[in-house]
Protein backbone atom coordinates (compact mmCIF):
# COMPACT_ATOMS: atom_id res chain seq x y z
CA MET A 1 25.41 46.43 6.58
CA THR A 2 22.68 47.80 4.43
CA GLN A 3 20.14 45.22 3.11
CA THR A 4 20.32 44.86 -1.03
CA GLU A 5 17.21 45.91 -2.32
CA ASN A 6 15.42 43.79 -5.30
CA PHE A 7 13.86 44.93 -8.43
CA ASP A 8 12.54 43.48 -11.49
CA VAL A 9 14.63 45.75 -13.54
CA VAL A 10 17.05 48.70 -12.91
CA VAL A 11 17.31 51.26 -15.38
CA VAL A 12 20.82 53.05 -15.66
CA GLY A 13 20.00 56.53 -16.82
CA GLY A 14 17.21 58.91 -16.30
CA GLY A 15 17.09 60.92 -19.46
CA ALA A 16 13.66 60.15 -22.31
CA ALA A 17 14.82 56.86 -22.79
CA GLY A 18 15.49 55.38 -19.31
CA LEU A 19 12.30 57.22 -17.96
CA SER A 20 9.91 55.79 -21.13
CA ALA A 21 11.63 52.36 -20.30
CA ALA A 22 10.67 52.47 -16.63
CA LEU A 23 7.10 54.09 -17.68
CA MET A 24 6.31 50.87 -19.53
CA LEU A 25 7.72 48.76 -17.19
CA GLY A 26 5.49 50.32 -14.17
CA ARG A 27 2.42 50.24 -16.47
CA SER A 28 3.22 46.50 -16.36
CA ARG A 29 3.41 46.35 -12.82
CA ARG A 30 6.89 45.50 -12.74
CA SER A 31 9.32 47.02 -9.59
CA VAL A 32 11.62 49.22 -11.45
CA LEU A 33 14.17 51.53 -10.20
CA VAL A 34 15.75 54.53 -12.33
CA LEU A 35 19.23 55.48 -11.69
CA ASP A 36 19.55 59.32 -12.98
CA ALA A 37 23.10 60.72 -12.47
CA GLY A 38 21.55 63.92 -13.33
CA GLU A 39 23.53 64.80 -16.70
CA PRO A 40 21.39 65.09 -19.33
CA ARG A 41 22.92 65.69 -22.60
CA ASN A 42 20.53 68.56 -23.78
CA ALA A 43 20.69 70.22 -20.60
CA PRO A 44 22.18 73.35 -21.53
CA ALA A 45 19.20 73.88 -24.26
CA ALA A 46 16.33 76.21 -23.42
CA GLY A 47 13.83 73.92 -24.72
CA VAL A 48 12.99 70.71 -26.76
CA HIS A 49 11.82 70.90 -30.54
CA GLY A 50 10.24 68.42 -32.95
CA LEU A 51 8.62 66.46 -30.02
CA LEU A 52 5.16 66.79 -31.10
CA GLY A 53 2.74 68.13 -28.08
CA HIS A 54 5.63 69.04 -26.38
CA ASP A 55 7.56 71.64 -28.77
CA GLY A 56 9.44 74.21 -26.52
CA THR A 57 8.96 72.44 -23.27
CA PRO A 58 12.30 73.08 -21.19
CA PRO A 59 14.26 69.73 -20.86
CA GLY A 60 14.17 69.87 -17.16
CA GLU A 61 10.56 70.36 -17.31
CA LEU A 62 10.11 67.41 -19.70
CA LEU A 63 12.25 65.15 -17.24
CA ARG A 64 10.30 66.38 -14.28
CA ARG A 65 6.97 65.44 -15.75
CA GLY A 66 8.44 61.92 -16.94
CA ARG A 67 9.73 61.29 -13.35
CA ALA A 68 6.30 62.23 -11.93
CA GLU A 69 4.54 59.65 -14.16
CA VAL A 70 6.89 56.74 -13.45
CA SER A 71 6.37 57.38 -9.81
CA ALA A 72 2.72 57.43 -10.04
CA TYR A 73 2.95 53.90 -11.39
CA GLY A 74 4.91 52.67 -8.60
CA GLY A 75 8.42 53.04 -10.14
CA VAL A 76 11.44 54.51 -8.29
CA VAL A 77 13.58 57.12 -9.48
CA ARG A 78 16.42 58.06 -7.36
CA PRO A 79 19.52 60.24 -7.78
CA GLY A 80 22.93 58.61 -8.30
CA ARG A 81 24.59 56.11 -10.55
CA ALA A 82 25.80 52.56 -10.78
CA ARG A 83 29.39 51.86 -9.87
CA THR A 84 29.62 48.54 -10.73
CA ALA A 85 27.36 45.51 -11.64
CA ALA A 86 28.12 41.79 -11.42
CA ARG A 87 26.00 39.16 -12.78
CA ASP A 88 24.93 36.26 -10.59
CA ASP A 89 22.38 33.27 -10.66
CA ASP A 90 19.17 35.34 -10.99
CA GLY A 91 20.28 38.57 -12.61
CA PHE A 92 22.75 41.35 -11.63
CA THR A 93 23.78 42.84 -8.64
CA LEU A 94 24.74 46.73 -8.76
CA THR A 95 26.85 48.63 -6.42
CA LEU A 96 25.84 52.25 -6.27
CA ASP A 97 27.89 55.61 -5.59
CA ASP A 98 26.08 55.91 -1.86
CA GLY A 99 27.61 52.35 -1.29
CA GLY A 100 24.31 50.68 -1.36
CA THR A 101 23.41 47.73 -3.59
CA VAL A 102 20.55 46.44 -5.75
CA HIS A 103 19.54 43.51 -7.25
CA ALA A 104 17.98 43.28 -10.64
CA ARG A 105 16.69 40.56 -12.78
CA ARG A 106 17.25 42.52 -15.87
CA ILE A 107 18.91 45.81 -16.51
CA VAL A 108 18.38 48.54 -19.15
CA LEU A 109 21.08 50.88 -20.02
CA ALA A 110 20.14 54.69 -21.25
CA THR A 111 23.27 56.40 -20.06
CA GLY A 112 23.32 58.39 -23.22
CA VAL A 113 26.83 60.29 -24.70
CA VAL A 114 29.00 63.03 -24.14
CA ASP A 115 29.22 65.64 -26.92
CA GLN A 116 33.09 65.97 -27.58
CA LEU A 117 33.51 69.57 -29.30
CA PRO A 118 36.81 70.91 -31.22
CA ALA A 119 39.12 72.92 -28.96
CA VAL A 120 38.42 76.26 -29.90
CA ASP A 121 38.41 79.05 -27.17
CA GLY A 122 34.75 80.21 -25.82
CA LEU A 123 33.25 77.32 -27.95
CA ALA A 124 31.96 75.08 -25.10
CA ALA A 125 30.61 77.49 -23.01
CA ARG A 126 27.80 78.45 -25.70
CA TRP A 127 27.25 75.00 -26.56
CA GLY A 128 23.32 74.47 -26.47
CA ARG A 129 22.49 78.11 -26.81
CA ASP A 130 24.27 79.82 -29.95
CA VAL A 131 26.65 76.77 -30.49
CA LEU A 132 24.42 74.14 -31.81
CA HIS A 133 24.52 71.10 -34.09
CA CYS A 134 20.82 70.10 -35.47
CA PRO A 135 19.04 72.27 -37.64
CA TYR A 136 15.83 70.15 -36.52
CA CYS A 137 16.26 70.79 -32.93
CA HIS A 138 17.37 74.12 -32.91
CA GLY A 139 17.35 75.54 -36.60
CA TRP A 140 14.20 77.77 -36.35
CA GLU A 141 15.25 79.64 -33.54
CA VAL A 142 18.33 80.84 -35.46
CA ARG A 143 16.33 81.57 -38.52
CA ASP A 144 17.50 84.51 -40.78
CA LYS A 145 20.72 85.09 -38.44
CA LYS A 146 24.30 85.04 -39.64
CA ILE A 147 25.18 81.15 -39.26
CA ALA A 148 28.59 79.97 -39.29
CA VAL A 149 29.03 76.15 -39.91
CA LEU A 150 32.55 75.13 -38.36
CA ALA A 151 33.64 71.91 -40.21
CA THR A 152 34.37 69.24 -37.98
CA GLY A 153 34.18 66.34 -40.49
CA PRO A 154 32.59 65.01 -43.51
CA MET A 155 28.95 66.07 -42.56
CA ALA A 156 30.16 69.76 -42.47
CA VAL A 157 28.89 70.46 -45.90
CA HIS A 158 25.41 68.76 -45.48
CA GLN A 159 25.13 70.98 -42.53
CA ALA A 160 25.94 74.00 -44.40
CA LEU A 161 22.87 73.10 -47.36
CA LEU A 162 20.24 72.51 -44.09
CA PHE A 163 21.10 75.37 -42.39
CA HIS A 164 20.79 77.23 -45.78
CA GLN A 165 17.06 76.30 -45.59
CA LEU A 166 17.00 78.37 -42.47
CA SER A 167 18.98 81.50 -43.40
CA ALA A 168 20.40 83.23 -46.52
CA ASP A 169 23.40 84.23 -44.63
CA VAL A 170 25.37 80.96 -44.25
CA THR A 171 29.36 80.74 -44.19
CA LEU A 172 31.15 77.30 -43.91
CA LEU A 173 34.58 77.47 -42.29
CA LEU A 174 36.76 74.81 -43.00
CA HIS A 175 38.91 75.04 -40.16
CA ARG A 176 41.39 72.04 -39.92
CA GLN A 177 39.23 70.21 -42.77
CA ARG A 178 40.83 69.31 -46.40
CA ALA A 179 39.49 71.54 -49.23
CA LEU A 180 36.01 70.91 -50.78
CA SER A 181 35.44 68.68 -53.62
CA ASP A 182 34.64 70.48 -56.87
CA GLU A 183 31.34 69.38 -56.75
CA GLN A 184 30.88 70.52 -53.20
CA ALA A 185 32.37 73.94 -54.06
CA GLU A 186 30.01 74.34 -57.03
CA GLU A 187 26.89 73.56 -55.02
CA LEU A 188 27.67 76.04 -52.30
CA ALA A 189 28.50 78.70 -54.69
CA ALA A 190 25.57 78.15 -56.44
CA ILE A 191 23.37 78.76 -53.22
CA ASP A 192 25.74 81.51 -52.00
CA VAL A 193 27.35 79.65 -49.17
CA ARG A 194 30.38 81.32 -48.43
CA VAL A 195 33.42 79.05 -47.79
CA VAL A 196 36.60 80.45 -45.54
CA THR A 197 39.79 78.65 -45.24
CA GLY A 198 42.01 78.99 -42.25
CA GLU A 199 41.96 77.40 -38.47
CA VAL A 200 39.39 78.94 -36.21
CA THR A 201 40.92 80.01 -32.86
CA ARG A 202 38.32 81.79 -30.84
CA VAL A 203 34.63 82.85 -30.57
CA VAL A 204 33.94 86.33 -29.92
CA VAL A 205 31.16 87.01 -27.47
CA GLU A 206 29.51 90.53 -26.72
CA ASP A 207 26.74 91.33 -24.14
CA ASP A 208 26.40 87.42 -23.70
CA ALA A 209 25.98 86.71 -27.94
CA ILE A 210 28.25 85.39 -30.10
CA THR A 211 29.21 88.05 -32.66
CA GLY A 212 31.77 86.27 -34.56
CA LEU A 213 34.91 83.65 -34.89
CA VAL A 214 38.23 84.59 -35.02
CA LEU A 215 40.68 82.79 -37.65
CA GLU A 216 44.74 82.49 -37.01
CA SER A 217 45.24 84.84 -39.39
CA GLY A 218 43.47 87.54 -37.19
CA GLU A 219 40.54 87.89 -39.30
CA VAL A 220 37.09 87.74 -37.64
CA VAL A 221 33.99 86.30 -39.50
CA ALA A 222 30.43 87.58 -38.39
CA ALA A 223 28.58 85.49 -36.90
CA GLU A 224 25.22 85.23 -35.03
CA ALA A 225 25.23 81.42 -34.63
CA VAL A 226 27.74 78.75 -34.76
CA VAL A 227 26.91 75.05 -36.08
CA VAL A 228 29.27 72.30 -35.23
CA GLY A 229 29.08 68.60 -35.55
CA SER A 230 30.08 67.51 -31.86
CA ARG A 231 31.52 63.63 -31.72
CA PRO A 232 29.15 62.11 -29.44
CA VAL A 233 31.15 59.24 -27.04
CA ALA A 234 28.94 56.91 -25.40
CA ARG A 235 29.28 56.82 -21.28
CA PRO A 236 31.25 53.85 -20.34
CA ASP A 237 29.32 53.14 -17.08
CA LEU A 238 28.93 49.19 -16.49
CA LEU A 239 29.75 48.32 -19.87
CA ALA A 240 33.00 46.49 -18.96
CA ASP A 241 31.38 45.01 -16.23
CA LEU A 242 28.48 43.48 -18.30
CA GLY A 243 30.79 42.49 -20.90
CA LEU A 244 29.81 44.98 -23.41
CA GLU A 245 31.96 47.30 -25.66
CA THR A 246 31.33 50.44 -27.54
CA HIS A 247 32.01 50.35 -31.45
CA ASP A 248 33.38 53.36 -33.69
CA LEU A 249 30.67 55.28 -35.82
CA PRO A 250 31.86 56.00 -39.27
CA ASN A 251 34.14 59.11 -40.41
CA ASP A 252 35.31 58.91 -36.78
CA MET A 253 31.73 60.48 -35.98
CA GLY A 254 31.74 58.82 -32.38
CA THR A 255 31.00 55.86 -30.29
CA ALA A 256 28.02 53.83 -29.42
CA VAL A 257 26.86 50.45 -27.93
CA ALA A 258 25.47 47.95 -30.33
CA ALA A 259 21.52 46.71 -30.03
CA ASP A 260 18.93 45.33 -32.12
CA ALA A 261 15.66 47.10 -33.15
CA MET A 262 14.22 45.79 -29.76
CA GLY A 263 16.95 47.44 -27.75
CA VAL A 264 18.90 43.59 -26.84
CA THR A 265 22.52 43.57 -26.48
CA ALA A 266 24.78 41.06 -26.56
CA ALA A 267 25.02 40.64 -22.96
CA PRO A 268 22.07 38.64 -21.64
CA GLY A 269 19.76 40.13 -19.71
CA VAL A 270 20.65 43.80 -20.80
CA TRP A 271 18.76 46.15 -22.97
CA ALA A 272 20.04 49.40 -24.14
CA ALA A 273 18.27 52.12 -25.79
CA GLY A 274 18.43 56.25 -26.67
CA ASN A 275 21.34 58.19 -27.60
CA LEU A 276 23.98 55.38 -26.05
CA THR A 277 22.79 53.31 -29.20
CA ASP A 278 21.70 56.03 -31.51
CA PRO A 279 23.68 59.24 -30.62
CA PHE A 280 21.96 61.24 -33.28
CA ALA A 281 18.40 60.41 -32.16
CA GLN A 282 16.32 63.33 -30.82
CA VAL A 283 14.19 63.14 -27.84
CA GLY A 284 11.25 61.60 -29.57
CA ALA A 285 13.22 58.61 -30.95
CA SER A 286 14.84 58.32 -27.91
CA ALA A 287 11.81 58.07 -25.75
CA ALA A 288 10.24 55.44 -28.48
CA ALA A 289 13.41 53.39 -28.12
CA GLY A 290 13.38 53.33 -24.54
CA ALA A 291 9.56 52.41 -24.50
CA LYS A 292 10.13 49.70 -26.98
CA ALA A 293 13.10 48.53 -24.71
CA GLY A 294 10.78 48.58 -21.64
CA ALA A 295 8.10 46.45 -23.45
CA MET A 296 10.48 43.94 -24.75
CA VAL A 297 12.03 43.40 -20.90
CA ASN A 298 8.58 42.92 -19.86
CA ALA A 299 7.95 40.21 -22.27
CA ASP A 300 11.01 38.62 -21.36
CA LEU A 301 10.25 38.51 -18.03
CA ALA A 302 6.95 37.16 -18.37
CA ALA A 303 8.23 34.15 -20.57
CA GLU A 304 10.51 33.37 -17.91
CA GLU A 305 8.02 33.41 -15.07
CA ALA A 306 5.71 31.11 -17.29
CA ARG A 307 8.53 28.68 -18.09
CA LEU A 308 9.17 28.71 -14.19
CA ALA A 309 5.54 28.04 -13.31
CA VAL A 310 5.64 25.27 -15.74
CA ARG A 311 8.54 23.58 -13.77
CA GLN A 312 7.06 24.09 -10.68
CA ARG A 313 3.82 22.65 -11.48
CA ARG A 314 5.39 19.53 -13.01
CA ALA A 315 7.56 19.10 -9.55
CA LEU A 316 4.41 19.18 -7.55
CA HIS A 317 2.27 16.98 -9.83
CA PRO A 318 4.82 14.86 -11.70
CA GLU A 319 3.16 12.51 -14.58
CA PRO A 320 2.30 9.06 -13.57
CA ALA A 321 5.02 6.69 -14.97
CA ALA A 322 3.76 4.84 -18.08
């Protein structure tokens, strides 16, 4: 039988949030294990943008540096995922996908989300390349191109306004969404954003680049980049085992796990950070949330250890009876 490994903290998720939590814990001389399933949300992107000092760094390179930094402080980063988690008297026992088990006094969940895209032929294959969602993450890279905003919810007009800042050629395709309000239509007309009705059925790709979107009518709308609002859905890993649930975001914009500003969840001993709790956070915000959660876990462990030391001291040196 394989012996159970013991750690102060197991971080489930090896992205920016999870590695940042582990970095804070390692620098506090905590034993920490990061379980990395190797499914980063931003893997298709060529570079991470808007992250001060690292703008344009490929996502894989940023994670490679993060893993090296965690390892330098004694943290263990291991490929794999936790299949189950069970609470015990001193924390949690986790069963891994390789059949091994680890014990943790505390858990940090940083498993992120999966982006659900509309069922348009060819759209998912271009995700993170010339199909994008965030003007701050990838907008500069498509500046001055023909940009088509594929409406998937109430934020589509907002996306059109933001991408109009980057290109004078923006078209909003309503797809399956309801008609615009008079105010929205007037605003878009005033800044020369074209509005097209009709369901989009297919993405046209030529020479490994998007050239347009095909409507159900057969009309082709020219486009060099497609903006689409994904529906980010929290990964379910370990949530049920730990007594946690996801909640729906407003306007059917996805799901997330509730945590306070420090990363504390409703499950004692469990913190959460990154896109799992804030699906719209960029890499920098996710890293900051992970760092904060790691620091708070360390503080919680330190307080527990102080209380335990007091009890042990009193047991060894009981106060004389009055």
